[in-house]
Amino acid sequence: GIAQEGLLPMLKDARRYNIPPTLRGLVNNDMRQTAAVMFELNKEDKDAGVQIDPTLFSEYHITVVPALVVTCPGYHDVIRGSLPLKQALEKVAESGDCAATAKQILEAGK
């Protein structure tokens, strides 16, 4: 998992690049706890939001978070680890199968 303090900057970054932050599931499998965490995050950043979609984690074989997935027709790139989004996107833009997509995302986030 990711510590709550580390989450806000990531969510801000994701918004900047228009990337939907996605959780695999609920905090401790508990809707109330998940809502409480989101409530706390929203006190600090009213636009903080996430989606929950476990299918994406299986589809892209993500077992370690954080991870960034960049998709393009027929391909996807996964960058794992706590890199700032900009650096992760730059890595994909340099050598990924979806380099063109990563470049567009970087441009749009400027």
Protein backbone atom coordinates (compact mmCIF):
# COMPACT_ATOMS: atom_id res chain seq x y z
CA GLY A 1 0.00 0.00 0.00
CA ILE A 2 0.86 3.67 -0.06
CA ALA A 3 1.04 5.84 3.05
CA GLN A 4 -1.70 8.44 3.20
CA GLU A 5 0.81 11.34 3.20
CA GLY A 6 2.20 10.07 -0.09
CA LEU A 7 -1.23 9.84 -1.63
CA LEU A 8 -2.16 13.53 -1.89
CA PRO A 9 0.80 14.58 -4.04
CA MET A 10 0.14 11.57 -6.30
CA LEU A 11 -3.53 12.48 -6.66
CA LYS A 12 -2.63 16.10 -7.49
CA ASP A 13 -0.12 14.87 -10.08
CA ALA A 14 -2.65 12.48 -11.59
CA ARG A 15 -5.18 15.30 -11.94
CA ARG A 16 -2.62 17.50 -13.62
CA TYR A 17 -2.09 14.83 -16.29
CA ASN A 18 -5.74 13.81 -16.37
CA ILE A 19 -4.89 10.26 -15.27
CA PRO A 20 -7.62 8.45 -13.27
CA PRO A 21 -6.11 7.27 -9.95
CA THR A 22 -7.33 3.73 -9.34
CA LEU A 23 -7.37 1.60 -6.21
CA ARG A 24 -7.53 -2.18 -6.32
CA GLY A 25 -10.11 -2.35 -3.56
CA LEU A 26 -11.40 -0.92 -0.32
CA VAL A 27 -9.22 -0.01 2.65
CA ASN A 28 -9.23 -3.23 4.72
CA ASN A 29 -12.21 -4.37 2.64
CA ASP A 30 -14.35 -1.87 4.49
CA MET A 31 -16.47 0.77 2.75
CA ARG A 32 -16.67 2.89 5.90
CA GLN A 33 -12.88 2.95 6.37
CA THR A 34 -12.39 3.79 2.70
CA ALA A 35 -14.89 6.64 2.94
CA ALA A 36 -13.14 7.91 6.09
CA VAL A 37 -9.76 7.97 4.32
CA MET A 38 -11.25 9.81 1.33
CA PHE A 39 -12.98 12.25 3.72
CA GLU A 40 -9.62 13.03 5.36
CA LEU A 41 -7.94 13.49 1.98
CA ASN A 42 -10.76 15.77 0.83
CA LYS A 43 -10.26 17.98 3.89
CA GLU A 44 -6.78 18.72 2.57
CA ASP A 45 -7.63 18.68 -1.13
CA LYS A 46 -11.29 19.02 -2.07
CA ASP A 47 -10.65 17.61 -5.55
CA ALA A 48 -8.94 14.40 -4.36
CA GLY A 49 -10.74 11.41 -5.78
CA VAL A 50 -10.09 7.82 -6.81
CA GLN A 51 -11.86 5.04 -8.63
CA ILE A 52 -11.89 1.42 -7.46
CA ASP A 53 -11.38 -1.18 -10.17
CA PRO A 54 -9.72 -4.50 -9.30
CA THR A 55 -10.07 -5.74 -12.91
CA LEU A 56 -7.45 -3.26 -14.14
CA PHE A 57 -4.94 -4.66 -11.65
CA SER A 58 -5.39 -8.20 -13.00
CA GLU A 59 -5.54 -7.05 -16.61
CA TYR A 60 -2.14 -5.32 -16.36
CA HIS A 61 -0.66 -7.79 -13.79
CA ILE A 62 -0.11 -5.12 -11.16
CA THR A 63 0.87 -6.59 -7.81
CA VAL A 64 2.97 -3.71 -6.47
CA VAL A 65 1.77 -0.12 -6.07
CA PRO A 66 2.23 2.60 -7.05
CA ALA A 67 2.33 1.78 -10.74
CA LEU A 68 1.59 3.83 -13.84
CA VAL A 69 -0.03 2.19 -16.85
CA VAL A 70 0.02 3.94 -20.22
CA THR A 71 -2.17 2.26 -22.84
CA CYS A 72 -2.41 2.63 -26.60
CA PRO A 73 -4.12 0.44 -29.21
CA GLY A 74 -2.77 -3.10 -28.79
CA TYR A 75 -0.07 -2.19 -26.24
CA HIS A 76 0.55 -0.98 -22.72
CA ASP A 77 3.55 0.13 -20.67
CA VAL A 78 3.80 -0.28 -16.91
CA ILE A 79 6.18 1.76 -14.77
CA ARG A 80 6.37 0.51 -11.17
CA GLY A 81 7.62 2.42 -8.14
CA SER A 82 7.30 5.77 -6.46
CA LEU A 83 8.59 7.90 -9.32
CA PRO A 84 6.97 11.28 -9.81
CA LEU A 85 4.41 10.90 -12.60
CA LYS A 86 6.33 13.25 -14.87
CA GLN A 87 9.45 11.06 -14.67
CA ALA A 88 7.44 7.87 -15.18
CA LEU A 89 5.75 9.39 -18.23
CA GLU A 90 9.13 10.55 -19.56
CA LYS A 91 10.46 6.98 -19.25
CA VAL A 92 7.54 5.71 -21.36
CA ALA A 93 7.97 8.60 -23.82
CA GLU A 94 11.64 7.64 -24.30
CA SER A 95 11.37 3.90 -24.84
CA GLY A 96 7.84 2.61 -24.30
CA ASP A 97 5.52 0.93 -26.79
CA CYS A 98 3.10 3.79 -26.08
CA ALA A 99 5.72 6.56 -26.34
CA ALA A 100 3.48 8.77 -28.49
CA THR A 101 0.64 8.54 -25.96
CA ALA A 102 3.00 9.38 -23.07
CA LYS A 103 4.27 12.43 -25.00
CA GLN A 104 0.69 13.64 -25.54
CA ILE A 105 -0.08 13.23 -21.81
CA LEU A 106 3.08 15.16 -20.90
CA GLU A 107 2.21 17.95 -23.33
CA ALA A 108 -1.31 18.23 -21.97
CA GLY A 109 -0.04 18.42 -18.39
CA LYS A 110 2.31 21.35 -19.00
